[in-house]
Amino acid sequence: MRTTGARGSAQGLAVANGVFNVVGGLWPLVHLRSFEWVFGPKTDDWLQMTSGGLLVSAGLAQLAAASDAHGAAHARRIGLGTALTLLAVDLVYVPQGRIRPTYLLDAAMQTGWIAAWLRRTRSTSEER
C-alpha cells in the first residue's frame, strides 16, 4: 500500500512541477510585454522564446512521465535539472545586475522545487 502512496505523491509532484514549467514557459511566448514588465526588458526576444519553449517542453515531458508507473524518476530528473539550471542563472546574474532582482522570486520557487524533489526521493527510499 505504501508503494502506491509514494508513487501517487511523486506523480502529484511531477504534475505540479510540470504545470509550473509549462505555464512559466508559455508566459513569454504568449505575452512577452507583461513578462518584460515583471522581469525587465530583453534585448534578444529570440532568447526568451527559446527559453520559454524549452520550459514548455520540460513541463510537458514531466506531465507525460507522471502518467507512467515508472515515470517519477524521469520527472524527477527533468525537474531537478530544470530547477538547478534556472536557480544557477538567477543566483549568478542578479548580483551582476544583468537581470532584475525579481528573478530572486524565481530563485525561491526553484529552491522549493529542488527541496520537494529531494524530500520526495528521501521519503520514497525510507518507505522501501
C-alpha atoms as a PDB file:
ATOM      1  CA  MET A   1       0.000   0.000   0.000  1.00  0.00           C
ATOM      2  CA  ARG A   2       2.865   2.379   0.753  1.00  0.00           C
ATOM      3  CA  THR A   3       4.240   1.971  -2.766  1.00  0.00           C
ATOM      4  CA  THR A   4       1.002   3.260  -4.272  1.00  0.00           C
ATOM      5  CA  GLY A   5       1.002   6.236  -1.896  1.00  0.00           C
ATOM      6  CA  ALA A   6       4.623   7.037  -2.683  1.00  0.00           C
ATOM      7  CA  ARG A   7       4.005   6.702  -6.396  1.00  0.00           C
ATOM      8  CA  GLY A   8       0.901   8.858  -6.149  1.00  0.00           C
ATOM      9  CA  SER A   9       2.779  11.544  -4.265  1.00  0.00           C
ATOM     10  CA  ALA A  10       5.627  11.531  -6.808  1.00  0.00           C
ATOM     11  CA  GLN A  11       3.079  11.688  -9.608  1.00  0.00           C
ATOM     12  CA  GLY A  12       1.410  14.669  -7.947  1.00  0.00           C
ATOM     13  CA  LEU A  13       4.742  16.437  -7.630  1.00  0.00           C
ATOM     14  CA  ALA A  14       5.540  15.668 -11.282  1.00  0.00           C
ATOM     15  CA  VAL A  15       2.201  17.129 -12.364  1.00  0.00           C
ATOM     16  CA  ALA A  16       2.595  20.246 -10.209  1.00  0.00           C
ATOM     17  CA  ASN A  17       6.166  20.892 -11.360  1.00  0.00           C
ATOM     18  CA  GLY A  18       5.221  20.134 -14.958  1.00  0.00           C
ATOM     19  CA  VAL A  19       2.322  22.584 -14.916  1.00  0.00           C
ATOM     20  CA  PHE A  20       4.549  25.232 -13.312  1.00  0.00           C
ATOM     21  CA  ASN A  21       7.136  24.798 -16.069  1.00  0.00           C
ATOM     22  CA  VAL A  22       4.546  24.842 -18.860  1.00  0.00           C
ATOM     23  CA  VAL A  23       2.878  27.998 -17.539  1.00  0.00           C
ATOM     24  CA  GLY A  24       6.229  29.689 -16.894  1.00  0.00           C
ATOM     25  CA  GLY A  25       7.415  28.800 -20.372  1.00  0.00           C
ATOM     26  CA  LEU A  26       4.229  29.925 -22.081  1.00  0.00           C
ATOM     27  CA  TRP A  27       4.223  33.341 -20.419  1.00  0.00           C
ATOM     28  CA  PRO A  28       6.909  34.987 -22.606  1.00  0.00           C
ATOM     29  CA  LEU A  29       5.600  33.128 -25.664  1.00  0.00           C
ATOM     30  CA  VAL A  30       2.039  34.348 -25.198  1.00  0.00           C
ATOM     31  CA  HIS A  31       2.592  37.824 -23.731  1.00  0.00           C
ATOM     32  CA  LEU A  32       6.193  38.993 -23.856  1.00  0.00           C
ATOM     33  CA  ARG A  33       5.181  42.523 -22.874  1.00  0.00           C
ATOM     34  CA  SER A  34       3.845  41.533 -19.440  1.00  0.00           C
ATOM     35  CA  PHE A  35       6.778  39.170 -18.914  1.00  0.00           C
ATOM     36  CA  GLU A  36       9.204  42.029 -19.579  1.00  0.00           C
ATOM     37  CA  TRP A  37       7.197  44.330 -17.328  1.00  0.00           C
ATOM     38  CA  VAL A  38       7.893  41.964 -14.418  1.00  0.00           C
ATOM     39  CA  PHE A  39      11.357  40.701 -15.314  1.00  0.00           C
ATOM     40  CA  GLY A  40      12.748  43.602 -17.313  1.00  0.00           C
ATOM     41  CA  PRO A  41      13.137  44.412 -20.983  1.00  0.00           C
ATOM     42  CA  LYS A  42      15.129  41.960 -23.065  1.00  0.00           C
ATOM     43  CA  THR A  43      17.428  42.783 -25.965  1.00  0.00           C
ATOM     44  CA  ASP A  44      17.101  39.342 -27.556  1.00  0.00           C
ATOM     45  CA  ASP A  45      13.472  38.284 -27.866  1.00  0.00           C
ATOM     46  CA  TRP A  46      14.584  35.057 -29.562  1.00  0.00           C
ATOM     47  CA  LEU A  47      16.338  34.038 -26.352  1.00  0.00           C
ATOM     48  CA  GLN A  48      13.135  34.474 -24.329  1.00  0.00           C
ATOM     49  CA  MET A  49      11.219  32.473 -26.939  1.00  0.00           C
ATOM     50  CA  THR A  50      13.854  29.719 -26.854  1.00  0.00           C
ATOM     51  CA  SER A  51      13.904  29.564 -23.047  1.00  0.00           C
ATOM     52  CA  GLY A  52      10.118  29.572 -22.940  1.00  0.00           C
ATOM     53  CA  GLY A  53       9.904  26.773 -25.483  1.00  0.00           C
ATOM     54  CA  LEU A  54      12.410  24.676 -23.574  1.00  0.00           C
ATOM     55  CA  LEU A  55      10.472  25.157 -20.330  1.00  0.00           C
ATOM     56  CA  VAL A  56       7.235  24.136 -22.054  1.00  0.00           C
ATOM     57  CA  SER A  57       8.983  21.026 -23.422  1.00  0.00           C
ATOM     58  CA  ALA A  58      10.373  20.115 -19.999  1.00  0.00           C
ATOM     59  CA  GLY A  59       6.978  20.612 -18.371  1.00  0.00           C
ATOM     60  CA  LEU A  60       5.182  18.503 -20.975  1.00  0.00           C
ATOM     61  CA  ALA A  61       7.759  15.733 -20.511  1.00  0.00           C
ATOM     62  CA  GLN A  62       7.126  15.832 -16.749  1.00  0.00           C
ATOM     63  CA  LEU A  63       3.374  15.648 -17.312  1.00  0.00           C
ATOM     64  CA  ALA A  64       3.790  12.685 -19.659  1.00  0.00           C
ATOM     65  CA  ALA A  65       6.105  10.946 -17.177  1.00  0.00           C
ATOM     66  CA  ALA A  66       3.607  11.466 -14.359  1.00  0.00           C
ATOM     67  CA  SER A  67       1.094   9.216 -16.085  1.00  0.00           C
ATOM     68  CA  ASP A  68       3.556   6.316 -16.331  1.00  0.00           C
ATOM     69  CA  ALA A  69       4.058   3.955 -13.398  1.00  0.00           C
ATOM     70  CA  HIS A  70       7.841   4.260 -13.665  1.00  0.00           C
ATOM     71  CA  GLY A  71       7.891   7.867 -14.811  1.00  0.00           C
ATOM     72  CA  ALA A  72       8.509   9.517 -11.430  1.00  0.00           C
ATOM     73  CA  ALA A  73      12.266   9.041 -11.735  1.00  0.00           C
ATOM     74  CA  HIS A  74      12.219  10.618 -15.180  1.00  0.00           C
ATOM     75  CA  ALA A  75      10.062  13.527 -13.972  1.00  0.00           C
ATOM     76  CA  ARG A  76      12.453  13.961 -11.029  1.00  0.00           C
ATOM     77  CA  ARG A  77      15.493  14.191 -13.306  1.00  0.00           C
ATOM     78  CA  ILE A  78      13.764  16.759 -15.515  1.00  0.00           C
ATOM     79  CA  GLY A  79      12.514  18.730 -12.511  1.00  0.00           C
ATOM     80  CA  LEU A  80      15.860  18.802 -10.727  1.00  0.00           C
ATOM     81  CA  GLY A  81      17.816  19.604 -13.890  1.00  0.00           C
ATOM     82  CA  THR A  82      15.486  22.425 -14.854  1.00  0.00           C
ATOM     83  CA  ALA A  83      15.284  23.901 -11.357  1.00  0.00           C
ATOM     84  CA  LEU A  84      19.045  23.707 -10.742  1.00  0.00           C
ATOM     85  CA  THR A  85      19.774  25.394 -14.079  1.00  0.00           C
ATOM     86  CA  LEU A  86      17.281  28.210 -13.522  1.00  0.00           C
ATOM     87  CA  LEU A  87      18.446  28.692  -9.925  1.00  0.00           C
ATOM     88  CA  ALA A  88      22.071  28.985 -11.067  1.00  0.00           C
ATOM     89  CA  VAL A  89      21.138  31.595 -13.686  1.00  0.00           C
ATOM     90  CA  ASP A  90      19.160  33.581 -11.121  1.00  0.00           C
ATOM     91  CA  LEU A  91      21.916  33.487  -8.496  1.00  0.00           C
ATOM     92  CA  VAL A  92      24.715  34.361 -10.919  1.00  0.00           C
ATOM     93  CA  TYR A  93      23.082  37.101 -12.980  1.00  0.00           C
ATOM     94  CA  VAL A  94      21.017  39.003 -10.383  1.00  0.00           C
ATOM     95  CA  PRO A  95      24.134  40.001  -8.375  1.00  0.00           C
ATOM     96  CA  GLN A  96      25.874  41.001 -11.605  1.00  0.00           C
ATOM     97  CA  GLY A  97      22.974  43.313 -12.440  1.00  0.00           C
ATOM     98  CA  ARG A  98      22.325  41.513 -15.736  1.00  0.00           C
ATOM     99  CA  ILE A  99      18.789  40.558 -14.721  1.00  0.00           C
ATOM    100  CA  ARG A 100      16.317  42.200 -12.347  1.00  0.00           C
ATOM    101  CA  PRO A 101      16.051  41.300  -8.668  1.00  0.00           C
ATOM    102  CA  THR A 102      12.541  39.981  -9.396  1.00  0.00           C
ATOM    103  CA  TYR A 103      14.347  36.867 -10.630  1.00  0.00           C
ATOM    104  CA  LEU A 104      15.038  36.140  -6.956  1.00  0.00           C
ATOM    105  CA  LEU A 105      11.330  35.233  -6.731  1.00  0.00           C
ATOM    106  CA  ASP A 106      12.035  32.609  -9.363  1.00  0.00           C
ATOM    107  CA  ALA A 107      15.114  31.522  -7.393  1.00  0.00           C
ATOM    108  CA  ALA A 108      12.896  30.951  -4.357  1.00  0.00           C
ATOM    109  CA  MET A 109      10.448  28.876  -6.411  1.00  0.00           C
ATOM    110  CA  GLN A 110      13.240  26.814  -7.953  1.00  0.00           C
ATOM    111  CA  THR A 111      14.684  26.181  -4.490  1.00  0.00           C
ATOM    112  CA  GLY A 112      11.251  24.949  -3.443  1.00  0.00           C
ATOM    113  CA  TRP A 113      11.054  22.514  -6.377  1.00  0.00           C
ATOM    114  CA  ILE A 114      14.546  21.201  -5.613  1.00  0.00           C
ATOM    115  CA  ALA A 115      13.645  20.690  -1.950  1.00  0.00           C
ATOM    116  CA  ALA A 116      10.369  18.984  -2.867  1.00  0.00           C
ATOM    117  CA  TRP A 117      12.076  16.538  -5.245  1.00  0.00           C
ATOM    118  CA  LEU A 118      14.846  15.781  -2.762  1.00  0.00           C
ATOM    119  CA  ARG A 119      12.325  15.295   0.063  1.00  0.00           C
ATOM    120  CA  ARG A 120      10.221  13.059  -2.199  1.00  0.00           C
ATOM    121  CA  THR A 121      13.290  10.958  -3.014  1.00  0.00           C
ATOM    122  CA  ARG A 122      14.232  10.613   0.654  1.00  0.00           C
ATOM    123  CA  SER A 123      10.741   9.605   1.783  1.00  0.00           C
ATOM    124  CA  THR A 124      10.398   7.094  -1.069  1.00  0.00           C
ATOM    125  CA  SER A 125      13.674   5.382  -0.136  1.00  0.00           C
ATOM    126  CA  GLU A 126      12.656   5.327   3.550  1.00  0.00           C
ATOM    127  CA  GLU A 127       9.380   3.591   2.673  1.00  0.00           C
ATOM    128  CA  ARG A 128      11.166   0.672   0.973  1.00  0.00           C
END
